Amino acid sequence: MSEDTMDLRTRNKQATREAISRAALRLAVEQGPGGLALVRVHDIAEAAGVSPRTYNNYFSSREEAICAFQADQSKRAGQALRARPADEPLDQAVIAAMIELYTDPEPDRAGLRMIMSTPELEGEALKAFSMAEGPLAEAIAMRTGTDPARDLFPAVMAAAVAGAVRVAGRHWLEAGNAESFAAVLRRALSCVVPADVRNLTTKDR
């Protein structure tokens, strides 16, 4: 099998995954916070234009399907940071990478509100956002020349960044908040990625 064929297959699988997730979230929003139990696998599959069997090949629960976009974003956190210029200070690189990752496109406010206001979905979203920590810690370690097996700094910073993203989402959804998510996220990240950590290495600490 050629590389182009494999890439096409990967893209098609991702497109199917995204279609199922969008359909699941749309149906969840239509039902409202108290109606999650009314969102059936058959309905999600039909709305996405796939069979229930195909749905089950991608997701093990409706909660996982609804929060798939957040999970896929978070898995790219390390890649987003590694893509920043090598000479960019750590604080600026982390903030720029996370803003680009989580605000392009800007979150669907209705969908995020549904997720944050439904306990089952909020728990799944917490798991999804936590997926950013491992890849992000590795990227931070690479950028700072630290050993994540011996130094807590990369893992602690990655966890703090993931937490800041969640807090920013909750704040953005508050009634009367007219700020862009990018602006809220920048402020939240600035609380946990101060400028004085920009060039830290194991030797510095």
C-alpha atoms as a PDB file:
ATOM      1  CA  MET A   1       0.000   0.000   0.000  1.00  0.00           C
ATOM      2  CA  SER A   2       1.410   3.390  -1.004  1.00  0.00           C
ATOM      3  CA  GLU A   3       1.995   6.236   1.440  1.00  0.00           C
ATOM      4  CA  ASP A   4      -0.557   8.366  -0.418  1.00  0.00           C
ATOM      5  CA  THR A   5      -3.172   5.618  -0.053  1.00  0.00           C
ATOM      6  CA  MET A   6      -2.465   5.327   3.664  1.00  0.00           C
ATOM      7  CA  ASP A   7      -2.700   9.097   4.088  1.00  0.00           C
ATOM      8  CA  LEU A   8      -6.031   9.141   2.235  1.00  0.00           C
ATOM      9  CA  ARG A   9      -7.346   6.346   4.429  1.00  0.00           C
ATOM     10  CA  THR A  10      -6.218   8.213   7.561  1.00  0.00           C
ATOM     11  CA  ARG A  11      -7.907  11.411   6.376  1.00  0.00           C
ATOM     12  CA  ASN A  12     -11.115   9.552   5.569  1.00  0.00           C
ATOM     13  CA  LYS A  13     -11.150   7.918   8.994  1.00  0.00           C
ATOM     14  CA  GLN A  14     -10.610  11.269  10.678  1.00  0.00           C
ATOM     15  CA  ALA A  15     -13.373  12.840   8.593  1.00  0.00           C
ATOM     16  CA  THR A  16     -15.758  10.071   9.644  1.00  0.00           C
ATOM     17  CA  ARG A  17     -14.758  10.495  13.284  1.00  0.00           C
ATOM     18  CA  GLU A  18     -15.367  14.239  13.090  1.00  0.00           C
ATOM     19  CA  ALA A  19     -18.733  13.798  11.354  1.00  0.00           C
ATOM     20  CA  ILE A  20     -19.929  11.429  14.077  1.00  0.00           C
ATOM     21  CA  SER A  21     -18.701  13.769  16.809  1.00  0.00           C
ATOM     22  CA  ARG A  22     -20.387  16.814  15.265  1.00  0.00           C
ATOM     23  CA  ALA A  23     -23.646  14.920  14.925  1.00  0.00           C
ATOM     24  CA  ALA A  24     -23.463  13.700  18.518  1.00  0.00           C
ATOM     25  CA  LEU A  25     -22.809  17.171  19.881  1.00  0.00           C
ATOM     26  CA  ARG A  26     -25.573  18.722  17.773  1.00  0.00           C
ATOM     27  CA  LEU A  27     -28.107  16.190  19.018  1.00  0.00           C
ATOM     28  CA  ALA A  28     -26.952  16.696  22.608  1.00  0.00           C
ATOM     29  CA  VAL A  29     -27.380  20.468  22.328  1.00  0.00           C
ATOM     30  CA  GLU A  30     -30.861  19.992  20.866  1.00  0.00           C
ATOM     31  CA  GLN A  31     -31.875  17.802  23.806  1.00  0.00           C
ATOM     32  CA  GLY A  32     -30.377  20.126  26.412  1.00  0.00           C
ATOM     33  CA  PRO A  33     -28.458  19.332  29.635  1.00  0.00           C
ATOM     34  CA  GLY A  34     -31.224  17.139  31.012  1.00  0.00           C
ATOM     35  CA  GLY A  35     -31.735  15.150  27.831  1.00  0.00           C
ATOM     36  CA  LEU A  36     -28.427  13.392  27.306  1.00  0.00           C
ATOM     37  CA  ALA A  37     -30.059  10.002  27.881  1.00  0.00           C
ATOM     38  CA  LEU A  38     -32.309  10.710  24.896  1.00  0.00           C
ATOM     39  CA  VAL A  39     -29.323  10.861  22.531  1.00  0.00           C
ATOM     40  CA  ARG A  40     -29.220   7.358  21.047  1.00  0.00           C
ATOM     41  CA  VAL A  41     -26.454   5.674  19.083  1.00  0.00           C
ATOM     42  CA  HIS A  42     -28.885   5.005  16.229  1.00  0.00           C
ATOM     43  CA  ASP A  43     -29.789   8.699  16.042  1.00  0.00           C
ATOM     44  CA  ILE A  44     -26.153   9.800  16.081  1.00  0.00           C
ATOM     45  CA  ALA A  45     -25.229   7.332  13.366  1.00  0.00           C
ATOM     46  CA  GLU A  46     -28.162   8.369  11.203  1.00  0.00           C
ATOM     47  CA  ALA A  47     -27.364  12.063  11.620  1.00  0.00           C
ATOM     48  CA  ALA A  48     -23.731  11.403  10.672  1.00  0.00           C
ATOM     49  CA  GLY A  49     -24.674   9.273   7.674  1.00  0.00           C
ATOM     50  CA  VAL A  50     -23.010   6.100   8.970  1.00  0.00           C
ATOM     51  CA  SER A  51     -24.192   2.767  10.319  1.00  0.00           C
ATOM     52  CA  PRO A  52     -24.411   2.034  14.063  1.00  0.00           C
ATOM     53  CA  ARG A  53     -21.667  -0.528  13.521  1.00  0.00           C
ATOM     54  CA  THR A  54     -19.390   2.159  12.076  1.00  0.00           C
ATOM     55  CA  TYR A  55     -20.202   4.396  15.044  1.00  0.00           C
ATOM     56  CA  ASN A  56     -19.176   1.616  17.426  1.00  0.00           C
ATOM     57  CA  ASN A  57     -15.871   1.220  15.576  1.00  0.00           C
ATOM     58  CA  TYR A  58     -14.984   4.792  16.521  1.00  0.00           C
ATOM     59  CA  PHE A  59     -16.545   5.400  19.931  1.00  0.00           C
ATOM     60  CA  SER A  60     -17.430   3.344  22.972  1.00  0.00           C
ATOM     61  CA  SER A  61     -19.936   5.840  24.396  1.00  0.00           C
ATOM     62  CA  ARG A  62     -21.941   8.901  23.396  1.00  0.00           C
ATOM     63  CA  GLU A  63     -19.968  10.955  25.918  1.00  0.00           C
ATOM     64  CA  GLU A  64     -16.740  10.024  24.162  1.00  0.00           C
ATOM     65  CA  ALA A  65     -18.262  10.910  20.791  1.00  0.00           C
ATOM     66  CA  ILE A  66     -19.556  14.276  21.974  1.00  0.00           C
ATOM     67  CA  CYS A  67     -16.185  15.268  23.455  1.00  0.00           C
ATOM     68  CA  ALA A  68     -14.064  13.853  20.622  1.00  0.00           C
ATOM     69  CA  PHE A  69     -13.169  17.276  19.247  1.00  0.00           C
ATOM     70  CA  GLN A  70     -11.658  18.329  22.581  1.00  0.00           C
ATOM     71  CA  ALA A  71      -9.751  15.043  22.788  1.00  0.00           C
ATOM     72  CA  ASP A  72      -8.353  15.417  19.277  1.00  0.00           C
ATOM     73  CA  GLN A  73      -7.290  19.001  19.979  1.00  0.00           C
ATOM     74  CA  SER A  74      -5.537  18.046  23.185  1.00  0.00           C
ATOM     75  CA  LYS A  75      -3.582  15.248  21.521  1.00  0.00           C
ATOM     76  CA  ARG A  76      -2.010  17.908  19.270  1.00  0.00           C
ATOM     77  CA  ALA A  77      -0.783  20.097  22.145  1.00  0.00           C
ATOM     78  CA  GLY A  78       2.798  18.846  22.048  1.00  0.00           C
ATOM     79  CA  GLN A  79       2.945  19.157  18.280  1.00  0.00           C
ATOM     80  CA  ALA A  80       1.637  22.726  18.499  1.00  0.00           C
ATOM     81  CA  LEU A  81       4.416  23.720  20.890  1.00  0.00           C
ATOM     82  CA  ARG A  82       7.131  21.982  18.862  1.00  0.00           C
ATOM     83  CA  ALA A  83       5.986  23.959  15.817  1.00  0.00           C
ATOM     84  CA  ARG A  84       6.859  27.280  17.491  1.00  0.00           C
ATOM     85  CA  PRO A  85      10.217  28.936  16.648  1.00  0.00           C
ATOM     86  CA  ALA A  86      13.087  27.373  18.605  1.00  0.00           C
ATOM     87  CA  ASP A  87      14.374  30.745  19.837  1.00  0.00           C
ATOM     88  CA  GLU A  88      10.979  31.927  21.102  1.00  0.00           C
ATOM     89  CA  PRO A  89      10.870  32.311  24.921  1.00  0.00           C
ATOM     90  CA  LEU A  90       9.053  29.452  26.620  1.00  0.00           C
ATOM     91  CA  ASP A  91       6.200  31.550  28.013  1.00  0.00           C
ATOM     92  CA  GLN A  92       5.489  33.148  24.645  1.00  0.00           C
ATOM     93  CA  ALA A  93       5.754  29.839  22.794  1.00  0.00           C
ATOM     94  CA  VAL A  94       3.376  27.995  25.134  1.00  0.00           C
ATOM     95  CA  ILE A  95       0.781  30.780  25.113  1.00  0.00           C
ATOM     96  CA  ALA A  96       0.908  31.247  21.333  1.00  0.00           C
ATOM     97  CA  ALA A  97       0.728  27.505  20.685  1.00  0.00           C
ATOM     98  CA  MET A  98      -2.249  26.931  22.980  1.00  0.00           C
ATOM     99  CA  ILE A  99      -4.162  29.944  21.673  1.00  0.00           C
ATOM    100  CA  GLU A 100      -3.692  28.776  18.105  1.00  0.00           C
ATOM    101  CA  LEU A 101      -4.659  25.220  19.017  1.00  0.00           C
ATOM    102  CA  TYR A 102      -7.769  25.976  21.049  1.00  0.00           C
ATOM    103  CA  THR A 103      -9.153  29.044  19.259  1.00  0.00           C
ATOM    104  CA  ASP A 104      -8.770  28.119  15.583  1.00  0.00           C
ATOM    105  CA  PRO A 105     -11.663  27.723  15.260  1.00  0.00           C
ATOM    106  CA  GLU A 106     -13.176  29.400  18.313  1.00  0.00           C
ATOM    107  CA  PRO A 107     -15.115  26.880  20.416  1.00  0.00           C
ATOM    108  CA  ASP A 108     -18.799  26.412  19.734  1.00  0.00           C
ATOM    109  CA  ARG A 109     -20.294  28.248  22.699  1.00  0.00           C
ATOM    110  CA  ALA A 110     -23.525  26.250  22.780  1.00  0.00           C
ATOM    111  CA  GLY A 111     -21.655  22.970  22.507  1.00  0.00           C
ATOM    112  CA  LEU A 112     -19.116  23.877  25.177  1.00  0.00           C
ATOM    113  CA  ARG A 113     -21.882  25.062  27.497  1.00  0.00           C
ATOM    114  CA  MET A 114     -23.660  21.733  27.035  1.00  0.00           C
ATOM    115  CA  ILE A 115     -20.482  19.855  27.876  1.00  0.00           C
ATOM    116  CA  MET A 116     -19.625  21.974  30.907  1.00  0.00           C
ATOM    117  CA  SER A 117     -23.173  21.830  32.327  1.00  0.00           C
ATOM    118  CA  THR A 118     -23.648  18.065  32.043  1.00  0.00           C
ATOM    119  CA  PRO A 119     -21.730  16.033  34.684  1.00  0.00           C
ATOM    120  CA  GLU A 120     -21.195  12.996  32.445  1.00  0.00           C
ATOM    121  CA  LEU A 121     -19.862  15.156  29.635  1.00  0.00           C
ATOM    122  CA  GLU A 122     -17.779  17.359  31.918  1.00  0.00           C
ATOM    123  CA  GLY A 123     -16.013  14.259  33.215  1.00  0.00           C
ATOM    124  CA  GLU A 124     -15.290  13.100  29.676  1.00  0.00           C
ATOM    125  CA  ALA A 125     -14.069  16.590  28.750  1.00  0.00           C
ATOM    126  CA  LEU A 126     -11.734  16.562  31.758  1.00  0.00           C
ATOM    127  CA  LYS A 127     -10.276  13.301  30.456  1.00  0.00           C
ATOM    128  CA  ALA A 128      -9.981  14.829  26.980  1.00  0.00           C
ATOM    129  CA  PHE A 129      -8.155  17.945  28.168  1.00  0.00           C
ATOM    130  CA  SER A 130      -5.845  15.787  30.274  1.00  0.00           C
ATOM    131  CA  MET A 131      -4.673  14.101  27.083  1.00  0.00           C
ATOM    132  CA  ALA A 132      -2.678  17.260  26.384  1.00  0.00           C
ATOM    133  CA  GLU A 133      -0.442  16.791  29.409  1.00  0.00           C
ATOM    134  CA  GLY A 134       1.843  13.959  28.249  1.00  0.00           C
ATOM    135  CA  PRO A 135       2.667  15.294  24.759  1.00  0.00           C
ATOM    136  CA  LEU A 136       2.930  18.843  26.082  1.00  0.00           C
ATOM    137  CA  ALA A 137       5.287  17.815  28.897  1.00  0.00           C
ATOM    138  CA  GLU A 138       7.522  16.081  26.365  1.00  0.00           C
ATOM    139  CA  ALA A 139       7.610  19.199  24.184  1.00  0.00           C
ATOM    140  CA  ILE A 140       8.394  21.417  27.183  1.00  0.00           C
ATOM    141  CA  ALA A 141      11.171  19.060  28.263  1.00  0.00           C
ATOM    142  CA  MET A 142      12.659  19.108  24.780  1.00  0.00           C
ATOM    143  CA  ARG A 143      12.457  22.896  24.630  1.00  0.00           C
ATOM    144  CA  THR A 144      14.065  23.423  28.047  1.00  0.00           C
ATOM    145  CA  GLY A 145      16.610  20.617  27.850  1.00  0.00           C
ATOM    146  CA  THR A 146      15.172  18.898  30.910  1.00  0.00           C
ATOM    147  CA  ASP A 147      14.718  15.199  31.625  1.00  0.00           C
ATOM    148  CA  PRO A 148      11.020  14.511  32.376  1.00  0.00           C
ATOM    149  CA  ALA A 149      11.989  11.303  34.178  1.00  0.00           C
ATOM    150  CA  ARG A 150      13.987  13.277  36.760  1.00  0.00           C
ATOM    151  CA  ASP A 151      12.553  16.798  36.614  1.00  0.00           C
ATOM    152  CA  LEU A 152       8.976  17.612  37.628  1.00  0.00           C
ATOM    153  CA  PHE A 153       8.932  20.941  35.808  1.00  0.00           C
ATOM    154  CA  PRO A 154       7.659  19.781  32.361  1.00  0.00           C
ATOM    155  CA  ALA A 155       4.832  17.658  33.779  1.00  0.00           C
ATOM    156  CA  VAL A 156       3.753  20.271  36.321  1.00  0.00           C
ATOM    157  CA  MET A 157       3.714  23.042  33.726  1.00  0.00           C
ATOM    158  CA  ALA A 158       1.794  20.854  31.269  1.00  0.00           C
ATOM    159  CA  ALA A 159      -0.827  20.051  33.920  1.00  0.00           C
ATOM    160  CA  ALA A 160      -1.113  23.742  34.809  1.00  0.00           C
ATOM    161  CA  VAL A 161      -1.610  24.666  31.156  1.00  0.00           C
ATOM    162  CA  ALA A 162      -4.328  22.017  30.718  1.00  0.00           C
ATOM    163  CA  GLY A 163      -6.040  23.354  33.839  1.00  0.00           C
ATOM    164  CA  ALA A 164      -5.848  26.915  32.551  1.00  0.00           C
ATOM    165  CA  VAL A 165      -7.600  25.875  29.345  1.00  0.00           C
ATOM    166  CA  ARG A 166     -10.482  24.374  31.342  1.00  0.00           C
ATOM    167  CA  VAL A 167     -10.795  27.413  33.609  1.00  0.00           C
ATOM    168  CA  ALA A 168     -10.735  29.730  30.591  1.00  0.00           C
ATOM    169  CA  GLY A 169     -13.587  27.756  29.050  1.00  0.00           C
ATOM    170  CA  ARG A 170     -15.747  28.077  32.163  1.00  0.00           C
ATOM    171  CA  HIS A 171     -15.036  31.800  32.458  1.00  0.00           C
ATOM    172  CA  TRP A 172     -15.781  32.391  28.779  1.00  0.00           C
ATOM    173  CA  LEU A 173     -19.237  30.840  29.224  1.00  0.00           C
ATOM    174  CA  GLU A 174     -20.237  33.127  32.085  1.00  0.00           C
ATOM    175  CA  ALA A 175     -23.269  35.272  31.404  1.00  0.00           C
ATOM    176  CA  GLY A 176     -22.415  38.692  30.000  1.00  0.00           C
ATOM    177  CA  ASN A 177     -18.874  37.787  28.982  1.00  0.00           C
ATOM    178  CA  ALA A 178     -18.327  39.376  25.577  1.00  0.00           C
ATOM    179  CA  GLU A 179     -14.581  38.639  25.333  1.00  0.00           C
ATOM    180  CA  SER A 180     -13.205  36.365  22.675  1.00  0.00           C
ATOM    181  CA  PHE A 181     -12.059  32.969  23.890  1.00  0.00           C
ATOM    182  CA  ALA A 182      -8.547  33.842  22.727  1.00  0.00           C
ATOM    183  CA  ALA A 183      -8.456  36.843  25.074  1.00  0.00           C
ATOM    184  CA  VAL A 184      -9.733  34.832  28.038  1.00  0.00           C
ATOM    185  CA  LEU A 185      -7.342  31.973  27.325  1.00  0.00           C
ATOM    186  CA  ARG A 186      -4.366  34.341  27.076  1.00  0.00           C
ATOM    187  CA  ARG A 187      -5.133  35.764  30.513  1.00  0.00           C
ATOM    188  CA  ALA A 188      -5.595  32.316  32.024  1.00  0.00           C
ATOM    189  CA  LEU A 189      -2.340  31.013  30.566  1.00  0.00           C
ATOM    190  CA  SER A 190      -0.457  34.097  31.744  1.00  0.00           C
ATOM    191  CA  CYS A 191      -1.325  33.080  35.306  1.00  0.00           C
ATOM    192  CA  VAL A 192       0.468  29.737  35.008  1.00  0.00           C
ATOM    193  CA  VAL A 193       3.208  30.496  32.462  1.00  0.00           C
ATOM    194  CA  PRO A 194       4.950  33.575  33.888  1.00  0.00           C
ATOM    195  CA  ALA A 195       7.753  35.204  31.932  1.00  0.00           C
ATOM    196  CA  ASP A 196      10.399  34.304  34.522  1.00  0.00           C
ATOM    197  CA  VAL A 197      10.243  30.623  33.524  1.00  0.00           C
ATOM    198  CA  ARG A 198      10.980  31.303  29.878  1.00  0.00           C
ATOM    199  CA  ASN A 199      14.544  29.967  29.783  1.00  0.00           C
ATOM    200  CA  LEU A 200      14.661  27.590  32.729  1.00  0.00           C
ATOM    201  CA  THR A 201      16.759  24.462  32.467  1.00  0.00           C
ATOM    202  CA  THR A 202      17.686  21.781  34.997  1.00  0.00           C
ATOM    203  CA  LYS A 203      20.875  23.696  35.779  1.00  0.00           C
ATOM    204  CA  ASP A 204      18.877  26.901  36.461  1.00  0.00           C
ATOM    205  CA  ARG A 205      16.672  25.087  38.958  1.00  0.00           C
END
